[in-house]
């Protein structure tokens, strides 16, 4: 969890790319994980393809849910 306080994690599985990052709600300052998935081979900043964003609880359980989603790619 400490990694996500200062960094974003980018990875890929097959033709799909993903980014996991901390997201802070402006209204409430609540922290959540944001998982973004898009089809490669372009990186996050260069792709023109649609990105799908999903939010998860900022906790170990939230990370387990993210792992389930990535395992299903």
PDB file of N, CA and C in Angstrom:
ATOM      1  N   UNK A   1       0.828  -1.192   0.000  1.00  0.00           N
ATOM      2  CA  UNK A   1       0.000   0.000   0.000  1.00  0.00           C
ATOM      3  C   UNK A   1       0.873   1.256   0.000  1.00  0.00           C
ATOM      4  N   UNK A   2       2.004   1.214   0.649  1.00  0.00           N
ATOM      5  CA  UNK A   2       2.864   2.393   0.692  1.00  0.00           C
ATOM      6  C   UNK A   2       3.344   2.793  -0.705  1.00  0.00           C
ATOM      7  N   UNK A   3       3.536   1.817  -1.583  1.00  0.00           N
ATOM      8  CA  UNK A   3       3.966   2.093  -2.951  1.00  0.00           C
ATOM      9  C   UNK A   3       3.007   3.075  -3.625  1.00  0.00           C
ATOM     10  N   UNK A   4       1.704   2.856  -3.446  1.00  0.00           N
ATOM     11  CA  UNK A   4       0.690   3.652  -4.139  1.00  0.00           C
ATOM     12  C   UNK A   4       0.519   5.053  -3.554  1.00  0.00           C
ATOM     13  N   UNK A   5       1.107   5.317  -2.415  1.00  0.00           N
ATOM     14  CA  UNK A   5       1.052   6.669  -1.863  1.00  0.00           C
ATOM     15  C   UNK A   5       1.820   7.654  -2.752  1.00  0.00           C
ATOM     16  N   UNK A   6       2.855   7.170  -3.454  1.00  0.00           N
ATOM     17  CA  UNK A   6       3.691   8.070  -4.248  1.00  0.00           C
ATOM     18  C   UNK A   6       3.856   7.650  -5.699  1.00  0.00           C
ATOM     19  N   UNK A   7       3.373   6.465  -6.076  1.00  0.00           N
ATOM     20  CA  UNK A   7       3.647   5.962  -7.419  1.00  0.00           C
ATOM     21  C   UNK A   7       2.417   5.289  -8.016  1.00  0.00           C
ATOM     22  N   UNK A   8       2.478   5.115  -9.333  1.00  0.00           N
ATOM     23  CA  UNK A   8       1.455   4.386 -10.078  1.00  0.00           C
ATOM     24  C   UNK A   8       2.105   3.122 -10.611  1.00  0.00           C
ATOM     25  N   UNK A   9       1.333   2.044 -10.703  1.00  0.00           N
ATOM     26  CA  UNK A   9       1.859   0.797 -11.224  1.00  0.00           C
ATOM     27  C   UNK A   9       1.239   0.547 -12.581  1.00  0.00           C
ATOM     28  N   UNK A  10       2.083   0.353 -13.592  1.00  0.00           N
ATOM     29  CA  UNK A  10       1.633   0.027 -14.943  1.00  0.00           C
ATOM     30  C   UNK A  10       2.055  -1.396 -15.265  1.00  0.00           C
ATOM     31  N   UNK A  11       1.163  -2.134 -15.906  1.00  0.00           N
ATOM     32  CA  UNK A  11       1.475  -3.504 -16.283  1.00  0.00           C
ATOM     33  C   UNK A  11       0.673  -3.914 -17.498  1.00  0.00           C
ATOM     34  N   UNK A  12       0.870  -5.155 -17.909  1.00  0.00           N
ATOM     35  CA  UNK A  12       0.122  -5.670 -19.048  1.00  0.00           C
ATOM     36  C   UNK A  12      -0.093  -7.163 -18.875  1.00  0.00           C
ATOM     37  N   UNK A  13      -1.119  -7.636 -19.564  1.00  0.00           N
ATOM     38  CA  UNK A  13      -1.414  -9.057 -19.625  1.00  0.00           C
ATOM     39  C   UNK A  13      -1.964  -9.328 -21.009  1.00  0.00           C
ATOM     40  N   UNK A  14      -1.202 -10.057 -21.799  1.00  0.00           N
ATOM     41  CA  UNK A  14      -1.607 -10.290 -23.180  1.00  0.00           C
ATOM     42  C   UNK A  14      -1.664  -8.975 -23.932  1.00  0.00           C
ATOM     43  N   UNK A  15      -2.798  -8.698 -24.579  1.00  0.00           N
ATOM     44  CA  UNK A  15      -2.970  -7.465 -25.348  1.00  0.00           C
ATOM     45  C   UNK A  15      -3.495  -6.308 -24.501  1.00  0.00           C
ATOM     46  N   UNK A  16      -3.773  -6.582 -23.230  1.00  0.00           N
ATOM     47  CA  UNK A  16      -4.373  -5.565 -22.375  1.00  0.00           C
ATOM     48  C   UNK A  16      -3.321  -4.930 -21.470  1.00  0.00           C
ATOM     49  N   UNK A  17      -3.424  -3.627 -21.294  1.00  0.00           N
ATOM     50  CA  UNK A  17      -2.564  -2.874 -20.388  1.00  0.00           C
ATOM     51  C   UNK A  17      -3.415  -2.379 -19.227  1.00  0.00           C
ATOM     52  N   UNK A  18      -2.754  -2.094 -18.108  1.00  0.00           N
ATOM     53  CA  UNK A  18      -3.499  -1.584 -16.952  1.00  0.00           C
ATOM     54  C   UNK A  18      -2.614  -0.675 -16.114  1.00  0.00           C
ATOM     55  N   UNK A  19      -3.281   0.166 -15.354  1.00  0.00           N
ATOM     56  CA  UNK A  19      -2.615   1.057 -14.403  1.00  0.00           C
ATOM     57  C   UNK A  19      -3.398   1.016 -13.106  1.00  0.00           C
ATOM     58  N   UNK A  20      -2.665   0.873 -11.991  1.00  0.00           N
ATOM     59  CA  UNK A  20      -3.257   0.925 -10.652  1.00  0.00           C
ATOM     60  C   UNK A  20      -2.673   2.151  -9.966  1.00  0.00           C
ATOM     61  N   UNK A  21      -3.551   2.984  -9.409  1.00  0.00           N
ATOM     62  CA  UNK A  21      -3.084   4.196  -8.743  1.00  0.00           C
ATOM     63  C   UNK A  21      -4.028   4.593  -7.625  1.00  0.00           C
ATOM     64  N   UNK A  22      -3.516   5.435  -6.740  1.00  0.00           N
ATOM     65  CA  UNK A  22      -4.345   6.009  -5.683  1.00  0.00           C
ATOM     66  C   UNK A  22      -5.144   7.154  -6.299  1.00  0.00           C
ATOM     67  N   UNK A  23      -6.415   7.226  -5.943  1.00  0.00           N
ATOM     68  CA  UNK A  23      -7.285   8.293  -6.414  1.00  0.00           C
ATOM     69  C   UNK A  23      -7.917   8.938  -5.192  1.00  0.00           C
ATOM     70  N   UNK A  24      -7.872  10.258  -5.119  1.00  0.00           N
ATOM     71  CA  UNK A  24      -8.443  10.980  -3.979  1.00  0.00           C
ATOM     72  C   UNK A  24      -9.640  11.788  -4.459  1.00  0.00           C
ATOM     73  N   UNK A  25     -10.792  11.520  -3.868  1.00  0.00           N
ATOM     74  CA  UNK A  25     -12.010  12.267  -4.185  1.00  0.00           C
ATOM     75  C   UNK A  25     -11.841  13.720  -3.742  1.00  0.00           C
ATOM     76  N   UNK A  26     -12.122  14.652  -4.621  1.00  0.00           N
ATOM     77  CA  UNK A  26     -11.972  16.073  -4.278  1.00  0.00           C
ATOM     78  C   UNK A  26     -12.942  16.511  -3.187  1.00  0.00           C
ATOM     79  N   UNK A  27     -14.176  16.020  -3.251  1.00  0.00           N
ATOM     80  CA  UNK A  27     -15.212  16.459  -2.311  1.00  0.00           C
ATOM     81  C   UNK A  27     -14.959  15.968  -0.886  1.00  0.00           C
ATOM     82  N   UNK A  28     -14.497  14.720  -0.768  1.00  0.00           N
ATOM     83  CA  UNK A  28     -14.421  14.101   0.550  1.00  0.00           C
ATOM     84  C   UNK A  28     -12.999  13.781   1.001  1.00  0.00           C
ATOM     85  N   UNK A  29     -12.041  13.904   0.125  1.00  0.00           N
ATOM     86  CA  UNK A  29     -10.638  13.516   0.380  1.00  0.00           C
ATOM     87  C   UNK A  29     -10.500  12.022   0.663  1.00  0.00           C
ATOM     88  N   UNK A  30     -11.519  11.248   0.289  1.00  0.00           N
ATOM     89  CA  UNK A  30     -11.477   9.799   0.470  1.00  0.00           C
ATOM     90  C   UNK A  30     -10.537   9.178  -0.554  1.00  0.00           C
ATOM     91  N   UNK A  31      -9.670   8.274  -0.099  1.00  0.00           N
ATOM     92  CA  UNK A  31      -8.742   7.578  -0.984  1.00  0.00           C
ATOM     93  C   UNK A  31      -9.395   6.303  -1.501  1.00  0.00           C
ATOM     94  N   UNK A  32      -9.181   6.049  -2.794  1.00  0.00           N
ATOM     95  CA  UNK A  32      -9.628   4.806  -3.417  1.00  0.00           C
ATOM     96  C   UNK A  32      -8.560   4.374  -4.413  1.00  0.00           C
ATOM     97  N   UNK A  33      -8.592   3.100  -4.777  1.00  0.00           N
ATOM     98  CA  UNK A  33      -7.770   2.639  -5.883  1.00  0.00           C
ATOM     99  C   UNK A  33      -8.518   2.892  -7.171  1.00  0.00           C
ATOM    100  N   UNK A  34      -7.768   3.312  -8.195  1.00  0.00           N
ATOM    101  CA  UNK A  34      -8.343   3.449  -9.529  1.00  0.00           C
ATOM    102  C   UNK A  34      -7.601   2.480 -10.438  1.00  0.00           C
ATOM    103  N   UNK A  35      -8.350   1.578 -11.057  1.00  0.00           N
ATOM    104  CA  UNK A  35      -7.808   0.636 -12.018  1.00  0.00           C
ATOM    105  C   UNK A  35      -8.256   1.085 -13.397  1.00  0.00           C
ATOM    106  N   UNK A  36      -7.298   1.309 -14.283  1.00  0.00           N
ATOM    107  CA  UNK A  36      -7.591   1.694 -15.654  1.00  0.00           C
ATOM    108  C   UNK A  36      -7.079   0.596 -16.573  1.00  0.00           C
ATOM    109  N   UNK A  37      -7.933   0.134 -17.477  1.00  0.00           N
ATOM    110  CA  UNK A  37      -7.583  -0.935 -18.411  1.00  0.00           C
ATOM    111  C   UNK A  37      -7.827  -0.435 -19.831  1.00  0.00           C
ATOM    112  N   UNK A  38      -6.891  -0.727 -20.733  1.00  0.00           N
ATOM    113  CA  UNK A  38      -7.037  -0.385 -22.142  1.00  0.00           C
ATOM    114  C   UNK A  38      -6.288  -1.412 -22.971  1.00  0.00           C
ATOM    115  N   UNK A  39      -6.657  -1.506 -24.253  1.00  0.00           N
ATOM    116  CA  UNK A  39      -5.990  -2.428 -25.159  1.00  0.00           C
ATOM    117  C   UNK A  39      -4.715  -1.806 -25.678  1.00  0.00           C
ATOM    118  N   UNK A  40      -3.631  -2.582 -25.684  1.00  0.00           N
ATOM    119  CA  UNK A  40      -2.316  -2.096 -26.100  1.00  0.00           C
ATOM    120  C   UNK A  40      -2.155  -2.085 -27.595  1.00  0.00           C
ATOM    121  N   UNK A  41      -0.963  -1.805 -28.076  1.00  0.00           N
ATOM    122  CA  UNK A  41       0.310  -1.830 -27.379  1.00  0.00           C
ATOM    123  C   UNK A  41       0.755  -0.464 -26.842  1.00  0.00           C
ATOM    124  N   UNK A  42      -0.014   0.592 -27.073  1.00  0.00           N
ATOM    125  CA  UNK A  42       0.405   1.929 -26.646  1.00  0.00           C
ATOM    126  C   UNK A  42       0.358   2.075 -25.126  1.00  0.00           C
ATOM    127  N   UNK A  43       1.201   2.972 -24.617  1.00  0.00           N
ATOM    128  CA  UNK A  43       1.211   3.257 -23.186  1.00  0.00           C
ATOM    129  C   UNK A  43       0.009   4.128 -22.812  1.00  0.00           C
ATOM    130  N   UNK A  44      -0.169   4.337 -21.536  1.00  0.00           N
ATOM    131  CA  UNK A  44      -1.303   5.090 -20.988  1.00  0.00           C
ATOM    132  C   UNK A  44      -1.431   6.467 -21.634  1.00  0.00           C
ATOM    133  N   UNK A  45      -0.331   7.198 -21.704  1.00  0.00           N
ATOM    134  CA  UNK A  45      -0.374   8.568 -22.205  1.00  0.00           C
ATOM    135  C   UNK A  45      -0.525   8.654 -23.721  1.00  0.00           C
ATOM    136  N   UNK A  46      -0.128   7.614 -24.445  1.00  0.00           N
ATOM    137  CA  UNK A  46      -0.121   7.681 -25.905  1.00  0.00           C
ATOM    138  C   UNK A  46      -1.337   7.044 -26.561  1.00  0.00           C
ATOM    139  N   UNK A  47      -2.052   6.189 -25.844  1.00  0.00           N
ATOM    140  CA  UNK A  47      -3.135   5.457 -26.491  1.00  0.00           C
ATOM    141  C   UNK A  47      -4.310   6.364 -26.849  1.00  0.00           C
ATOM    142  N   UNK A  48      -4.925   6.043 -27.945  1.00  0.00           N
ATOM    143  CA  UNK A  48      -6.148   6.738 -28.374  1.00  0.00           C
ATOM    144  C   UNK A  48      -7.366   5.834 -28.127  1.00  0.00           C
ATOM    145  N   UNK A  49      -7.104   4.616 -27.692  1.00  0.00           N
ATOM    146  CA  UNK A  49      -8.186   3.662 -27.458  1.00  0.00           C
ATOM    147  C   UNK A  49      -8.903   3.979 -26.155  1.00  0.00           C
ATOM    148  N   UNK A  50     -10.123   3.473 -26.064  1.00  0.00           N
ATOM    149  CA  UNK A  50     -10.945   3.716 -24.873  1.00  0.00           C
ATOM    150  C   UNK A  50     -10.307   3.103 -23.632  1.00  0.00           C
ATOM    151  N   UNK A  51     -10.324   3.854 -22.546  1.00  0.00           N
ATOM    152  CA  UNK A  51      -9.828   3.386 -21.256  1.00  0.00           C
ATOM    153  C   UNK A  51     -11.033   3.147 -20.355  1.00  0.00           C
ATOM    154  N   UNK A  52     -11.020   2.012 -19.679  1.00  0.00           N
ATOM    155  CA  UNK A  52     -12.093   1.676 -18.749  1.00  0.00           C
ATOM    156  C   UNK A  52     -11.560   1.862 -17.336  1.00  0.00           C
ATOM    157  N   UNK A  53     -12.209   2.733 -16.572  1.00  0.00           N
ATOM    158  CA  UNK A  53     -11.786   3.030 -15.204  1.00  0.00           C
ATOM    159  C   UNK A  53     -12.764   2.411 -14.214  1.00  0.00           C
ATOM    160  N   UNK A  54     -12.206   1.765 -13.185  1.00  0.00           N
ATOM    161  CA  UNK A  54     -12.998   1.171 -12.114  1.00  0.00           C
ATOM    162  C   UNK A  54     -12.356   1.563 -10.794  1.00  0.00           C
ATOM    163  N   UNK A  55     -13.178   1.812  -9.783  1.00  0.00           N
ATOM    164  CA  UNK A  55     -12.682   2.250  -8.480  1.00  0.00           C
ATOM    165  C   UNK A  55     -12.929   1.182  -7.428  1.00  0.00           C
ATOM    166  N   UNK A  56     -11.976   1.066  -6.510  1.00  0.00           N
ATOM    167  CA  UNK A  56     -12.026   0.062  -5.453  1.00  0.00           C
ATOM    168  C   UNK A  56     -11.655   0.704  -4.127  1.00  0.00           C
ATOM    169  N   UNK A  57     -12.081   0.058  -3.059  1.00  0.00           N
ATOM    170  CA  UNK A  57     -11.721   0.496  -1.712  1.00  0.00           C
ATOM    171  C   UNK A  57     -10.195   0.511  -1.573  1.00  0.00           C
ATOM    172  N   UNK A  58      -9.673   1.528  -0.915  1.00  0.00           N
ATOM    173  CA  UNK A  58      -8.225   1.653  -0.710  1.00  0.00           C
ATOM    174  C   UNK A  58      -7.837   0.831   0.509  1.00  0.00           C
ATOM    175  N   UNK A  59      -7.722  -0.468   0.282  1.00  0.00           N
ATOM    176  CA  UNK A  59      -7.426  -1.403   1.368  1.00  0.00           C
ATOM    177  C   UNK A  59      -6.862  -2.677   0.757  1.00  0.00           C
ATOM    178  N   UNK A  60      -6.460  -3.595   1.613  1.00  0.00           N
ATOM    179  CA  UNK A  60      -5.998  -4.892   1.136  1.00  0.00           C
ATOM    180  C   UNK A  60      -7.111  -5.625   0.390  1.00  0.00           C
ATOM    181  N   UNK A  61      -8.339  -5.507   0.875  1.00  0.00           N
ATOM    182  CA  UNK A  61      -9.470  -6.139   0.193  1.00  0.00           C
ATOM    183  C   UNK A  61      -9.690  -5.536  -1.190  1.00  0.00           C
ATOM    184  N   UNK A  62      -9.529  -4.217  -1.300  1.00  0.00           N
ATOM    185  CA  UNK A  62      -9.639  -3.564  -2.605  1.00  0.00           C
ATOM    186  C   UNK A  62      -8.588  -4.080  -3.570  1.00  0.00           C
ATOM    187  N   UNK A  63      -7.370  -4.284  -3.078  1.00  0.00           N
ATOM    188  CA  UNK A  63      -6.305  -4.809  -3.928  1.00  0.00           C
ATOM    189  C   UNK A  63      -6.609  -6.239  -4.358  1.00  0.00           C
ATOM    190  N   UNK A  64      -7.200  -7.039  -3.469  1.00  0.00           N
ATOM    191  CA  UNK A  64      -7.588  -8.403  -3.841  1.00  0.00           C
ATOM    192  C   UNK A  64      -8.648  -8.389  -4.933  1.00  0.00           C
ATOM    193  N   UNK A  65      -9.583  -7.448  -4.867  1.00  0.00           N
ATOM    194  CA  UNK A  65     -10.595  -7.317  -5.915  1.00  0.00           C
ATOM    195  C   UNK A  65      -9.950  -6.937  -7.237  1.00  0.00           C
ATOM    196  N   UNK A  66      -8.969  -6.044  -7.200  1.00  0.00           N
ATOM    197  CA  UNK A  66      -8.248  -5.662  -8.417  1.00  0.00           C
ATOM    198  C   UNK A  66      -7.543  -6.882  -9.004  1.00  0.00           C
ATOM    199  N   UNK A  67      -6.908  -7.683  -8.166  1.00  0.00           N
ATOM    200  CA  UNK A  67      -6.215  -8.890  -8.647  1.00  0.00           C
ATOM    201  C   UNK A  67      -7.197  -9.853  -9.319  1.00  0.00           C
ATOM    202  N   UNK A  68      -8.404  -9.978  -8.775  1.00  0.00           N
ATOM    203  CA  UNK A  68      -9.419 -10.826  -9.400  1.00  0.00           C
ATOM    204  C   UNK A  68      -9.764 -10.320 -10.803  1.00  0.00           C
ATOM    205  N   UNK A  69      -9.941  -9.010 -10.941  1.00  0.00           N
ATOM    206  CA  UNK A  69     -10.251  -8.430 -12.251  1.00  0.00           C
ATOM    207  C   UNK A  69      -9.112  -8.686 -13.225  1.00  0.00           C
ATOM    208  N   UNK A  70      -7.884  -8.459 -12.798  1.00  0.00           N
ATOM    209  CA  UNK A  70      -6.737  -8.658 -13.689  1.00  0.00           C
ATOM    210  C   UNK A  70      -6.553 -10.120 -14.062  1.00  0.00           C
ATOM    211  N   UNK A  71      -6.840 -11.025 -13.148  1.00  0.00           N
ATOM    212  CA  UNK A  71      -6.738 -12.454 -13.458  1.00  0.00           C
ATOM    213  C   UNK A  71      -7.752 -12.881 -14.506  1.00  0.00           C
ATOM    214  N   UNK A  72      -8.858 -12.152 -14.607  1.00  0.00           N
ATOM    215  CA  UNK A  72      -9.909 -12.479 -15.584  1.00  0.00           C
ATOM    216  C   UNK A  72      -9.668 -11.858 -16.959  1.00  0.00           C
ATOM    217  N   UNK A  73      -8.614 -11.065 -17.113  1.00  0.00           N
ATOM    218  CA  UNK A  73      -8.323 -10.448 -18.418  1.00  0.00           C
ATOM    219  C   UNK A  73      -7.991 -11.510 -19.440  1.00  0.00           C
TER     220      UNK A  73
END
